[in-house]
Amino acid sequence: MNKIFYIMGKSASGKDSVYRYLLERSGLGLRKMTLYTTRPIRAGEENGREYYFVDEERFAALQRQGRVAEARTYQTEYGPWIYFTADDPDMDLSRFSYLGIGTLESYGKLRAYYKEGTVCPIYIEVEDGERLQRALLRERREDRPRYQEMCRRFLADDEDFSQEKLLEAGIVRRFRNEAFDESVREIVSYIQEQRKRRT
C-alpha cells in the first residue's frame, strides 16, 4: 500500500541527510513531495532538492490557487519565514509512495488532510549536546552565519517537539541518528514494513 513517509526532528538532527539518502535509494521507489520555504537558501543547498525556495508573493499565489495543504510561519531574527507543503496535482498515491520532511505541526495537518493511515511518521532524534555542536559547525560554513537564529531554533525545538506533543501526535517509534548507516537501515526496514500494511 502506498504511503507518505514524513521525516521530522529537531534542528541539526540530520533530517536532510536521511531525506536525501532515502530519495536516492532506488529500491524504495519513493517520490519527493513538493516542499517550499520563503527562507533564504543556505550554502550547499539547491533549489528543488531540499526545498523550493520562493518569495512571499509566490506563496500567496499558491494559496489563492488552493494548492497549500499546510503552512506555518516562524518569526525569526531576519523576519518571517514560511514553510509549507503544496498539494501537488501530479501526486498519485494510487501508484507511488512519497517522502516529505517538516515539523510535528505540519505532520498533524497532513495526517488530517489525507486518508487515515496514509501519512507515516519518521521521527529522528539526536542527543542535544551533539545536535548543538552539529548546528554550530553547519552555521560556521555559511557566508553570513546566523547564530542568533540558530539559537532561537534550538530553544524553540524543546517546545515544538515536547514529549507531550509527540505523544499527542501518536509518535511512539523514534530513530536515533547517532550512527548514520545503522539509523537509515532501521528506517528502511520501517518503510518496507509500513508499505505492506493496508491503509
N, C-alpha and C. Protein backbone atom coordinates (compact mmCIF):
# COMPACT_ATOMS: atom_id res chain seq x y z
N MET A 1 0.85 -1.19 0.00
CA MET A 1 0.00 0.00 0.00
C MET A 1 0.89 1.24 0.00
N ASN A 2 0.59 2.20 -0.85
CA ASN A 2 1.40 3.41 -0.95
C ASN A 2 1.11 4.36 0.21
N LYS A 3 2.16 5.06 0.63
CA LYS A 3 2.09 5.92 1.81
C LYS A 3 2.85 7.21 1.55
N ILE A 4 2.66 8.16 2.48
CA ILE A 4 3.52 9.34 2.56
C ILE A 4 4.35 9.16 3.83
N PHE A 5 5.66 9.07 3.66
CA PHE A 5 6.57 8.96 4.80
C PHE A 5 7.10 10.36 5.12
N TYR A 6 6.89 10.76 6.38
CA TYR A 6 7.14 12.15 6.74
C TYR A 6 8.23 12.25 7.81
N ILE A 7 9.35 12.83 7.45
CA ILE A 7 10.51 12.95 8.34
C ILE A 7 10.38 14.20 9.19
N MET A 8 10.64 14.02 10.49
CA MET A 8 10.60 15.13 11.44
C MET A 8 11.75 14.99 12.42
N GLY A 9 12.07 16.09 13.08
CA GLY A 9 13.09 16.07 14.12
C GLY A 9 13.54 17.48 14.42
N LYS A 10 14.22 17.63 15.51
CA LYS A 10 14.73 18.94 15.89
C LYS A 10 15.82 19.39 14.91
N SER A 11 16.15 20.68 14.96
CA SER A 11 17.17 21.20 14.06
C SER A 11 18.50 20.48 14.29
N ALA A 12 19.24 20.26 13.20
CA ALA A 12 20.55 19.60 13.21
C ALA A 12 20.50 18.16 13.69
N SER A 13 19.34 17.50 13.51
CA SER A 13 19.24 16.08 13.87
C SER A 13 19.61 15.18 12.70
N GLY A 14 19.88 15.78 11.54
CA GLY A 14 20.28 15.00 10.38
C GLY A 14 19.13 14.66 9.45
N LYS A 15 18.01 15.38 9.58
CA LYS A 15 16.83 15.12 8.75
C LYS A 15 17.14 15.19 7.27
N ASP A 16 17.84 16.25 6.86
CA ASP A 16 18.10 16.44 5.43
C ASP A 16 18.96 15.32 4.86
N SER A 17 19.94 14.86 5.63
CA SER A 17 20.81 13.77 5.16
C SER A 17 20.01 12.47 5.00
N VAL A 18 19.15 12.18 5.97
CA VAL A 18 18.31 10.98 5.89
C VAL A 18 17.35 11.10 4.70
N TYR A 19 16.78 12.27 4.54
CA TYR A 19 15.85 12.53 3.44
C TYR A 19 16.51 12.27 2.09
N ARG A 20 17.71 12.84 1.88
CA ARG A 20 18.41 12.65 0.61
C ARG A 20 18.75 11.18 0.39
N TYR A 21 19.19 10.49 1.43
CA TYR A 21 19.54 9.08 1.31
C TYR A 21 18.34 8.25 0.86
N LEU A 22 17.20 8.47 1.50
CA LEU A 22 16.01 7.68 1.19
C LEU A 22 15.51 7.95 -0.23
N LEU A 23 15.59 9.20 -0.66
CA LEU A 23 15.16 9.53 -2.02
C LEU A 23 16.07 8.90 -3.07
N GLU A 24 17.37 8.83 -2.75
CA GLU A 24 18.33 8.31 -3.72
C GLU A 24 18.37 6.79 -3.75
N ARG A 25 17.78 6.14 -2.77
CA ARG A 25 17.78 4.68 -2.73
C ARG A 25 16.69 4.16 -3.68
N SER A 26 17.09 3.79 -4.86
CA SER A 26 16.15 3.46 -5.94
C SER A 26 15.22 2.30 -5.58
N GLY A 27 15.69 1.35 -4.79
CA GLY A 27 14.87 0.20 -4.44
C GLY A 27 13.63 0.55 -3.65
N LEU A 28 13.64 1.71 -2.96
CA LEU A 28 12.47 2.12 -2.19
C LEU A 28 11.40 2.73 -3.09
N GLY A 29 11.81 3.31 -4.19
CA GLY A 29 10.85 3.90 -5.13
C GLY A 29 10.05 5.04 -4.56
N LEU A 30 10.65 5.83 -3.67
CA LEU A 30 9.94 6.96 -3.07
C LEU A 30 10.04 8.20 -3.96
N ARG A 31 8.93 8.89 -4.10
CA ARG A 31 8.91 10.15 -4.84
C ARG A 31 8.90 11.30 -3.84
N LYS A 32 9.42 12.42 -4.26
CA LYS A 32 9.53 13.58 -3.38
C LYS A 32 8.25 14.40 -3.38
N MET A 33 7.79 14.78 -2.17
CA MET A 33 6.69 15.73 -2.06
C MET A 33 7.22 17.12 -2.43
N THR A 34 6.30 17.99 -2.82
CA THR A 34 6.68 19.36 -3.15
C THR A 34 6.69 20.19 -1.88
N LEU A 35 7.87 20.52 -1.41
CA LEU A 35 8.03 21.28 -0.17
C LEU A 35 8.63 22.64 -0.49
N TYR A 36 8.14 23.65 0.19
CA TYR A 36 8.54 25.03 -0.10
C TYR A 36 8.95 25.78 1.17
N THR A 37 9.75 26.83 0.99
CA THR A 37 10.04 27.75 2.08
C THR A 37 10.38 29.12 1.51
N THR A 38 10.11 30.15 2.31
CA THR A 38 10.49 31.51 1.93
C THR A 38 11.81 31.92 2.59
N ARG A 39 12.41 31.02 3.36
CA ARG A 39 13.70 31.38 3.99
C ARG A 39 14.79 31.41 2.93
N PRO A 40 15.88 32.13 3.21
CA PRO A 40 16.99 32.18 2.24
C PRO A 40 17.64 30.81 2.07
N ILE A 41 18.12 30.55 0.88
CA ILE A 41 18.82 29.30 0.61
C ILE A 41 20.16 29.30 1.35
N ARG A 42 20.55 28.14 1.89
CA ARG A 42 21.82 28.02 2.62
C ARG A 42 22.92 27.51 1.70
N ALA A 43 24.15 27.73 2.11
CA ALA A 43 25.30 27.21 1.36
C ALA A 43 25.17 25.70 1.24
N GLY A 44 25.37 25.18 0.02
CA GLY A 44 25.29 23.74 -0.21
C GLY A 44 23.92 23.24 -0.59
N GLU A 45 22.89 24.07 -0.43
CA GLU A 45 21.54 23.68 -0.81
C GLU A 45 21.30 24.00 -2.28
N GLU A 46 20.34 23.30 -2.87
CA GLU A 46 19.95 23.55 -4.25
C GLU A 46 18.45 23.71 -4.32
N ASN A 47 17.99 24.67 -5.10
CA ASN A 47 16.56 24.87 -5.28
C ASN A 47 15.94 23.61 -5.89
N GLY A 48 14.90 23.10 -5.25
CA GLY A 48 14.24 21.90 -5.73
C GLY A 48 14.79 20.62 -5.13
N ARG A 49 15.85 20.70 -4.37
CA ARG A 49 16.39 19.50 -3.71
C ARG A 49 15.91 19.46 -2.26
N GLU A 50 16.44 20.34 -1.41
CA GLU A 50 15.95 20.38 -0.02
C GLU A 50 14.54 20.97 0.04
N TYR A 51 14.36 22.10 -0.63
CA TYR A 51 13.07 22.80 -0.70
C TYR A 51 13.01 23.52 -2.04
N TYR A 52 11.81 24.01 -2.37
CA TYR A 52 11.69 25.03 -3.40
C TYR A 52 11.74 26.36 -2.66
N PHE A 53 12.69 27.19 -2.99
CA PHE A 53 12.87 28.47 -2.31
C PHE A 53 12.10 29.54 -3.09
N VAL A 54 11.08 30.09 -2.46
CA VAL A 54 10.21 31.05 -3.12
C VAL A 54 10.07 32.29 -2.26
N ASP A 55 9.51 33.34 -2.84
CA ASP A 55 9.24 34.55 -2.05
C ASP A 55 7.79 34.52 -1.56
N GLU A 56 7.43 35.52 -0.76
CA GLU A 56 6.08 35.53 -0.18
C GLU A 56 5.00 35.74 -1.23
N GLU A 57 5.34 36.41 -2.34
CA GLU A 57 4.37 36.61 -3.42
C GLU A 57 3.98 35.26 -4.05
N ARG A 58 4.96 34.38 -4.23
CA ARG A 58 4.69 33.05 -4.80
C ARG A 58 3.83 32.22 -3.84
N PHE A 59 4.14 32.32 -2.54
CA PHE A 59 3.34 31.63 -1.53
C PHE A 59 1.89 32.10 -1.59
N ALA A 60 1.69 33.42 -1.67
CA ALA A 60 0.33 33.97 -1.72
C ALA A 60 -0.41 33.49 -2.98
N ALA A 61 0.31 33.39 -4.09
CA ALA A 61 -0.31 32.93 -5.34
C ALA A 61 -0.77 31.47 -5.21
N LEU A 62 0.07 30.62 -4.60
CA LEU A 62 -0.30 29.22 -4.41
C LEU A 62 -1.50 29.10 -3.46
N GLN A 63 -1.55 29.96 -2.46
CA GLN A 63 -2.71 29.97 -1.55
C GLN A 63 -3.98 30.32 -2.30
N ARG A 64 -3.91 31.34 -3.16
CA ARG A 64 -5.08 31.74 -3.93
C ARG A 64 -5.57 30.61 -4.85
N GLN A 65 -4.63 29.80 -5.33
CA GLN A 65 -4.97 28.67 -6.20
C GLN A 65 -5.50 27.47 -5.41
N GLY A 66 -5.50 27.58 -4.07
CA GLY A 66 -5.97 26.48 -3.23
C GLY A 66 -5.03 25.30 -3.21
N ARG A 67 -3.73 25.55 -3.42
CA ARG A 67 -2.76 24.47 -3.52
C ARG A 67 -1.89 24.30 -2.26
N VAL A 68 -2.16 25.04 -1.20
CA VAL A 68 -1.36 24.92 0.03
C VAL A 68 -2.08 23.97 0.98
N ALA A 69 -1.49 22.79 1.19
CA ALA A 69 -2.09 21.79 2.08
C ALA A 69 -1.87 22.15 3.54
N GLU A 70 -0.72 22.74 3.85
CA GLU A 70 -0.43 23.18 5.21
C GLU A 70 0.68 24.22 5.13
N ALA A 71 0.69 25.13 6.11
CA ALA A 71 1.72 26.17 6.15
C ALA A 71 1.96 26.59 7.59
N ARG A 72 3.18 27.00 7.87
CA ARG A 72 3.49 27.53 9.20
C ARG A 72 4.53 28.63 9.02
N THR A 73 4.41 29.68 9.86
CA THR A 73 5.28 30.85 9.78
C THR A 73 6.08 30.97 11.06
N TYR A 74 7.38 31.21 10.91
CA TYR A 74 8.27 31.39 12.04
C TYR A 74 8.78 32.83 12.04
N GLN A 75 8.64 33.48 13.19
CA GLN A 75 9.18 34.83 13.35
C GLN A 75 10.65 34.70 13.73
N THR A 76 11.53 35.05 12.82
CA THR A 76 12.96 34.90 13.05
C THR A 76 13.64 36.25 13.22
N GLU A 77 14.93 36.23 13.51
CA GLU A 77 15.71 37.45 13.62
C GLU A 77 15.76 38.21 12.30
N TYR A 78 15.40 37.53 11.21
CA TYR A 78 15.50 38.11 9.87
C TYR A 78 14.14 38.33 9.23
N GLY A 79 13.10 38.31 10.06
CA GLY A 79 11.75 38.47 9.55
C GLY A 79 11.04 37.13 9.48
N PRO A 80 9.79 37.12 9.02
CA PRO A 80 9.02 35.86 8.97
C PRO A 80 9.51 34.93 7.86
N TRP A 81 9.66 33.65 8.20
CA TRP A 81 9.99 32.62 7.22
C TRP A 81 8.81 31.65 7.19
N ILE A 82 8.31 31.37 6.01
CA ILE A 82 7.17 30.47 5.84
C ILE A 82 7.65 29.14 5.28
N TYR A 83 7.20 28.06 5.88
CA TYR A 83 7.44 26.70 5.38
C TYR A 83 6.07 26.13 5.04
N PHE A 84 5.94 25.49 3.86
CA PHE A 84 4.63 24.96 3.51
C PHE A 84 4.73 23.79 2.54
N THR A 85 3.64 23.02 2.52
CA THR A 85 3.51 21.89 1.61
C THR A 85 2.41 22.20 0.62
N ALA A 86 2.74 22.08 -0.66
CA ALA A 86 1.74 22.31 -1.70
C ALA A 86 1.08 21.00 -2.07
N ASP A 87 -0.22 21.05 -2.30
CA ASP A 87 -0.97 19.89 -2.79
C ASP A 87 -0.69 19.78 -4.28
N ASP A 88 0.25 18.93 -4.61
CA ASP A 88 0.74 18.80 -5.98
C ASP A 88 -0.25 17.97 -6.80
N PRO A 89 -0.78 18.53 -7.89
CA PRO A 89 -1.74 17.77 -8.70
C PRO A 89 -1.13 16.53 -9.36
N ASP A 90 0.20 16.49 -9.46
CA ASP A 90 0.86 15.33 -10.06
C ASP A 90 1.08 14.19 -9.08
N MET A 91 0.74 14.41 -7.81
CA MET A 91 0.96 13.39 -6.80
C MET A 91 -0.11 12.30 -6.92
N ASP A 92 0.31 11.05 -7.10
CA ASP A 92 -0.61 9.94 -7.35
C ASP A 92 -0.32 8.79 -6.38
N LEU A 93 -1.04 8.79 -5.25
CA LEU A 93 -0.83 7.76 -4.24
C LEU A 93 -1.33 6.38 -4.67
N SER A 94 -2.10 6.32 -5.73
CA SER A 94 -2.53 5.02 -6.22
C SER A 94 -1.37 4.28 -6.90
N ARG A 95 -0.32 5.02 -7.28
CA ARG A 95 0.81 4.41 -8.00
C ARG A 95 2.13 4.49 -7.24
N PHE A 96 2.31 5.53 -6.40
CA PHE A 96 3.61 5.77 -5.79
C PHE A 96 3.50 6.10 -4.30
N SER A 97 4.59 5.84 -3.58
CA SER A 97 4.75 6.34 -2.21
C SER A 97 5.63 7.58 -2.26
N TYR A 98 5.45 8.45 -1.27
CA TYR A 98 6.14 9.74 -1.29
C TYR A 98 6.91 9.96 0.01
N LEU A 99 7.88 10.87 -0.08
CA LEU A 99 8.70 11.22 1.08
C LEU A 99 8.64 12.73 1.29
N GLY A 100 8.33 13.13 2.53
CA GLY A 100 8.28 14.54 2.88
C GLY A 100 9.11 14.81 4.11
N ILE A 101 9.29 16.08 4.41
CA ILE A 101 10.07 16.48 5.58
C ILE A 101 9.47 17.75 6.15
N GLY A 102 9.35 17.82 7.47
CA GLY A 102 8.75 19.01 8.05
C GLY A 102 8.70 18.96 9.57
N THR A 103 7.71 19.64 10.12
CA THR A 103 7.58 19.77 11.56
C THR A 103 6.48 18.85 12.09
N LEU A 104 6.42 18.77 13.41
CA LEU A 104 5.35 17.99 14.05
C LEU A 104 3.99 18.60 13.73
N GLU A 105 3.92 19.91 13.71
CA GLU A 105 2.67 20.61 13.39
C GLU A 105 2.23 20.30 11.96
N SER A 106 3.16 20.35 11.02
CA SER A 106 2.79 20.07 9.62
C SER A 106 2.40 18.61 9.44
N TYR A 107 3.06 17.72 10.18
CA TYR A 107 2.68 16.30 10.14
C TYR A 107 1.22 16.13 10.56
N GLY A 108 0.83 16.79 11.64
CA GLY A 108 -0.54 16.69 12.11
C GLY A 108 -1.54 17.18 11.08
N LYS A 109 -1.21 18.28 10.39
CA LYS A 109 -2.12 18.82 9.38
C LYS A 109 -2.21 17.90 8.17
N LEU A 110 -1.09 17.33 7.76
CA LEU A 110 -1.11 16.40 6.63
C LEU A 110 -1.86 15.12 6.97
N ARG A 111 -1.67 14.65 8.19
CA ARG A 111 -2.37 13.44 8.63
C ARG A 111 -3.89 13.66 8.61
N ALA A 112 -4.30 14.88 8.96
CA ALA A 112 -5.74 15.21 8.92
C ALA A 112 -6.22 15.40 7.48
N TYR A 113 -5.35 15.84 6.60
CA TYR A 113 -5.71 16.15 5.21
C TYR A 113 -5.91 14.88 4.38
N TYR A 114 -5.06 13.88 4.63
CA TYR A 114 -5.12 12.65 3.86
C TYR A 114 -5.88 11.56 4.62
N LYS A 115 -6.23 10.49 3.91
CA LYS A 115 -6.93 9.35 4.49
C LYS A 115 -6.13 8.78 5.67
N GLU A 116 -6.83 8.35 6.70
CA GLU A 116 -6.18 7.82 7.90
C GLU A 116 -5.25 6.65 7.55
N GLY A 117 -4.05 6.68 8.12
CA GLY A 117 -3.07 5.63 7.88
C GLY A 117 -2.19 5.88 6.68
N THR A 118 -2.44 6.98 5.95
CA THR A 118 -1.65 7.27 4.75
C THR A 118 -0.32 7.91 5.09
N VAL A 119 -0.30 8.80 6.10
CA VAL A 119 0.92 9.53 6.45
C VAL A 119 1.61 8.82 7.62
N CYS A 120 2.84 8.36 7.38
CA CYS A 120 3.61 7.60 8.38
C CYS A 120 4.76 8.45 8.90
N PRO A 121 4.87 8.63 10.23
CA PRO A 121 5.92 9.48 10.78
C PRO A 121 7.27 8.78 10.86
N ILE A 122 8.32 9.54 10.57
CA ILE A 122 9.70 9.10 10.81
C ILE A 122 10.34 10.19 11.67
N TYR A 123 10.34 9.95 12.98
CA TYR A 123 10.88 10.96 13.91
C TYR A 123 12.33 10.63 14.24
N ILE A 124 13.22 11.58 13.94
CA ILE A 124 14.67 11.39 14.13
C ILE A 124 15.11 12.21 15.33
N GLU A 125 15.92 11.59 16.19
CA GLU A 125 16.42 12.33 17.34
C GLU A 125 17.91 12.12 17.54
N VAL A 126 18.53 13.14 18.15
CA VAL A 126 19.96 13.15 18.46
C VAL A 126 20.11 13.83 19.82
N GLU A 127 21.06 13.38 20.61
CA GLU A 127 21.32 13.98 21.92
C GLU A 127 21.58 15.48 21.75
N ASP A 128 21.03 16.30 22.66
CA ASP A 128 21.04 17.76 22.49
C ASP A 128 22.44 18.36 22.34
N GLY A 129 23.41 17.89 23.11
CA GLY A 129 24.77 18.43 23.00
C GLY A 129 25.38 18.18 21.63
N GLU A 130 25.18 16.97 21.12
CA GLU A 130 25.67 16.62 19.79
C GLU A 130 24.95 17.46 18.72
N ARG A 131 23.67 17.63 18.91
CA ARG A 131 22.87 18.40 17.96
C ARG A 131 23.32 19.87 17.91
N LEU A 132 23.60 20.45 19.06
CA LEU A 132 24.06 21.84 19.13
C LEU A 132 25.42 22.00 18.45
N GLN A 133 26.29 21.02 18.67
CA GLN A 133 27.60 21.06 18.02
C GLN A 133 27.47 20.98 16.50
N ARG A 134 26.61 20.11 16.02
CA ARG A 134 26.37 19.99 14.58
C ARG A 134 25.84 21.30 14.01
N ALA A 135 24.89 21.92 14.73
CA ALA A 135 24.29 23.17 14.26
C ALA A 135 25.33 24.28 14.15
N LEU A 136 26.21 24.35 15.13
CA LEU A 136 27.25 25.37 15.13
C LEU A 136 28.23 25.17 13.97
N LEU A 137 28.64 23.94 13.75
CA LEU A 137 29.55 23.65 12.63
C LEU A 137 28.89 23.99 11.30
N ARG A 138 27.62 23.68 11.15
CA ARG A 138 26.90 23.99 9.91
C ARG A 138 26.81 25.49 9.70
N GLU A 139 26.50 26.22 10.78
CA GLU A 139 26.33 27.67 10.65
C GLU A 139 27.65 28.37 10.31
N ARG A 140 28.76 27.85 10.82
CA ARG A 140 30.07 28.45 10.54
C ARG A 140 30.44 28.36 9.06
N ARG A 141 29.87 27.41 8.35
CA ARG A 141 30.16 27.27 6.92
C ARG A 141 29.42 28.28 6.06
N GLU A 142 28.43 28.97 6.64
CA GLU A 142 27.66 29.96 5.89
C GLU A 142 28.50 31.21 5.62
N ASP A 143 28.22 31.87 4.50
CA ASP A 143 28.90 33.14 4.19
C ASP A 143 28.58 34.20 5.25
N ARG A 144 27.33 34.19 5.69
CA ARG A 144 26.89 35.10 6.75
C ARG A 144 26.21 34.28 7.84
N PRO A 145 26.97 33.77 8.80
CA PRO A 145 26.38 32.93 9.85
C PRO A 145 25.28 33.66 10.60
N ARG A 146 24.22 32.94 10.91
CA ARG A 146 23.08 33.50 11.64
C ARG A 146 23.00 32.80 13.00
N TYR A 147 23.90 33.14 13.88
CA TYR A 147 23.99 32.46 15.17
C TYR A 147 22.77 32.71 16.04
N GLN A 148 22.21 33.91 15.98
CA GLN A 148 21.02 34.20 16.79
C GLN A 148 19.85 33.32 16.35
N GLU A 149 19.69 33.17 15.04
CA GLU A 149 18.61 32.33 14.53
C GLU A 149 18.85 30.87 14.90
N MET A 150 20.11 30.43 14.85
CA MET A 150 20.44 29.06 15.24
C MET A 150 20.02 28.81 16.69
N CYS A 151 20.34 29.77 17.56
CA CYS A 151 19.98 29.61 18.99
C CYS A 151 18.47 29.65 19.19
N ARG A 152 17.79 30.53 18.45
CA ARG A 152 16.33 30.61 18.57
C ARG A 152 15.70 29.27 18.21
N ARG A 153 16.16 28.69 17.10
CA ARG A 153 15.60 27.41 16.65
C ARG A 153 15.88 26.30 17.65
N PHE A 154 17.10 26.29 18.19
CA PHE A 154 17.48 25.26 19.15
C PHE A 154 16.55 25.29 20.37
N LEU A 155 16.30 26.50 20.89
CA LEU A 155 15.44 26.63 22.06
C LEU A 155 13.97 26.35 21.72
N ALA A 156 13.53 26.80 20.54
CA ALA A 156 12.14 26.58 20.14
C ALA A 156 11.83 25.09 19.96
N ASP A 157 12.85 24.30 19.59
CA ASP A 157 12.64 22.87 19.39
C ASP A 157 12.13 22.16 20.63
N ASP A 158 12.56 22.62 21.81
CA ASP A 158 12.09 21.98 23.05
C ASP A 158 10.59 22.08 23.19
N GLU A 159 10.04 23.21 22.77
CA GLU A 159 8.59 23.41 22.82
C GLU A 159 7.90 22.68 21.67
N ASP A 160 8.45 22.85 20.47
CA ASP A 160 7.81 22.29 19.27
C ASP A 160 7.76 20.76 19.29
N PHE A 161 8.80 20.13 19.87
CA PHE A 161 8.88 18.67 19.91
C PHE A 161 8.88 18.15 21.34
N SER A 162 8.04 18.76 22.18
CA SER A 162 7.95 18.31 23.57
C SER A 162 7.42 16.87 23.60
N GLN A 163 7.74 16.16 24.67
CA GLN A 163 7.27 14.78 24.82
C GLN A 163 5.75 14.72 24.77
N GLU A 164 5.11 15.70 25.37
CA GLU A 164 3.65 15.74 25.38
C GLU A 164 3.09 15.85 23.96
N LYS A 165 3.68 16.74 23.14
CA LYS A 165 3.21 16.92 21.77
C LYS A 165 3.49 15.70 20.91
N LEU A 166 4.63 15.06 21.14
CA LEU A 166 4.94 13.84 20.38
C LEU A 166 3.92 12.75 20.68
N LEU A 167 3.57 12.59 21.94
CA LEU A 167 2.60 11.57 22.32
C LEU A 167 1.20 11.91 21.79
N GLU A 168 0.84 13.20 21.82
CA GLU A 168 -0.46 13.62 21.29
C GLU A 168 -0.56 13.32 19.80
N ALA A 169 0.57 13.43 19.09
CA ALA A 169 0.59 13.16 17.65
C ALA A 169 0.67 11.67 17.34
N GLY A 170 0.75 10.85 18.39
CA GLY A 170 0.81 9.40 18.19
C GLY A 170 2.17 8.89 17.77
N ILE A 171 3.22 9.67 18.02
CA ILE A 171 4.56 9.26 17.64
C ILE A 171 5.21 8.52 18.81
N VAL A 172 5.32 7.23 18.64
CA VAL A 172 5.91 6.38 19.67
C VAL A 172 7.29 5.91 19.24
N ARG A 173 7.39 5.48 17.99
CA ARG A 173 8.68 4.99 17.48
C ARG A 173 9.58 6.16 17.09
N ARG A 174 10.85 6.05 17.51
CA ARG A 174 11.82 7.10 17.21
C ARG A 174 13.09 6.46 16.68
N PHE A 175 13.79 7.20 15.85
CA PHE A 175 15.02 6.71 15.22
C PHE A 175 16.19 7.57 15.67
N ARG A 176 17.12 6.94 16.41
CA ARG A 176 18.31 7.64 16.90
C ARG A 176 19.32 7.77 15.76
N ASN A 177 19.74 9.00 15.48
CA ASN A 177 20.66 9.24 14.37
C ASN A 177 22.06 9.54 14.91
N GLU A 178 22.63 8.56 15.59
CA GLU A 178 23.99 8.71 16.10
C GLU A 178 24.99 8.07 15.14
N ALA A 179 24.64 6.89 14.62
CA ALA A 179 25.43 6.22 13.59
C ALA A 179 24.55 6.19 12.34
N PHE A 180 24.90 7.00 11.35
CA PHE A 180 24.02 7.22 10.20
C PHE A 180 23.64 5.91 9.50
N ASP A 181 24.61 5.05 9.19
CA ASP A 181 24.32 3.82 8.45
C ASP A 181 23.32 2.93 9.20
N GLU A 182 23.52 2.82 10.49
CA GLU A 182 22.61 2.00 11.31
C GLU A 182 21.22 2.61 11.36
N SER A 183 21.17 3.94 11.47
CA SER A 183 19.89 4.64 11.54
C SER A 183 19.09 4.47 10.26
N VAL A 184 19.73 4.66 9.10
CA VAL A 184 18.98 4.55 7.85
C VAL A 184 18.57 3.11 7.55
N ARG A 185 19.35 2.14 8.00
CA ARG A 185 18.94 0.73 7.83
C ARG A 185 17.63 0.47 8.59
N GLU A 186 17.56 1.00 9.79
CA GLU A 186 16.36 0.83 10.61
C GLU A 186 15.16 1.54 9.97
N ILE A 187 15.39 2.72 9.41
CA ILE A 187 14.32 3.48 8.77
C ILE A 187 13.82 2.77 7.51
N VAL A 188 14.75 2.22 6.72
CA VAL A 188 14.37 1.49 5.51
C VAL A 188 13.50 0.28 5.87
N SER A 189 13.86 -0.43 6.92
CA SER A 189 13.05 -1.58 7.37
C SER A 189 11.65 -1.13 7.76
N TYR A 190 11.57 -0.02 8.46
CA TYR A 190 10.28 0.53 8.88
C TYR A 190 9.42 0.88 7.66
N ILE A 191 10.01 1.52 6.66
CA ILE A 191 9.27 1.88 5.45
C ILE A 191 8.73 0.63 4.75
N GLN A 192 9.58 -0.36 4.65
CA GLN A 192 9.15 -1.61 4.00
C GLN A 192 8.01 -2.28 4.75
N GLU A 193 8.08 -2.27 6.08
CA GLU A 193 7.00 -2.83 6.90
C GLU A 193 5.69 -2.07 6.69
N GLN A 194 5.77 -0.74 6.70
CA GLN A 194 4.56 0.08 6.58
C GLN A 194 3.90 -0.07 5.22
N ARG A 195 4.69 -0.25 4.18
CA ARG A 195 4.12 -0.37 2.83
C ARG A 195 3.37 -1.70 2.65
N LYS A 196 3.69 -2.67 3.48
CA LYS A 196 2.98 -3.96 3.41
C LYS A 196 1.62 -3.89 4.08
N ARG A 197 1.42 -2.86 4.94
CA ARG A 197 0.16 -2.74 5.65
C ARG A 197 -0.89 -2.04 4.80
N ARG A 198 -2.14 -2.42 5.00
CA ARG A 198 -3.23 -1.74 4.30
C ARG A 198 -3.63 -0.50 5.09
N THR A 199 -4.02 0.55 4.35
CA THR A 199 -4.46 1.80 5.00
C THR A 199 -5.81 1.58 5.66
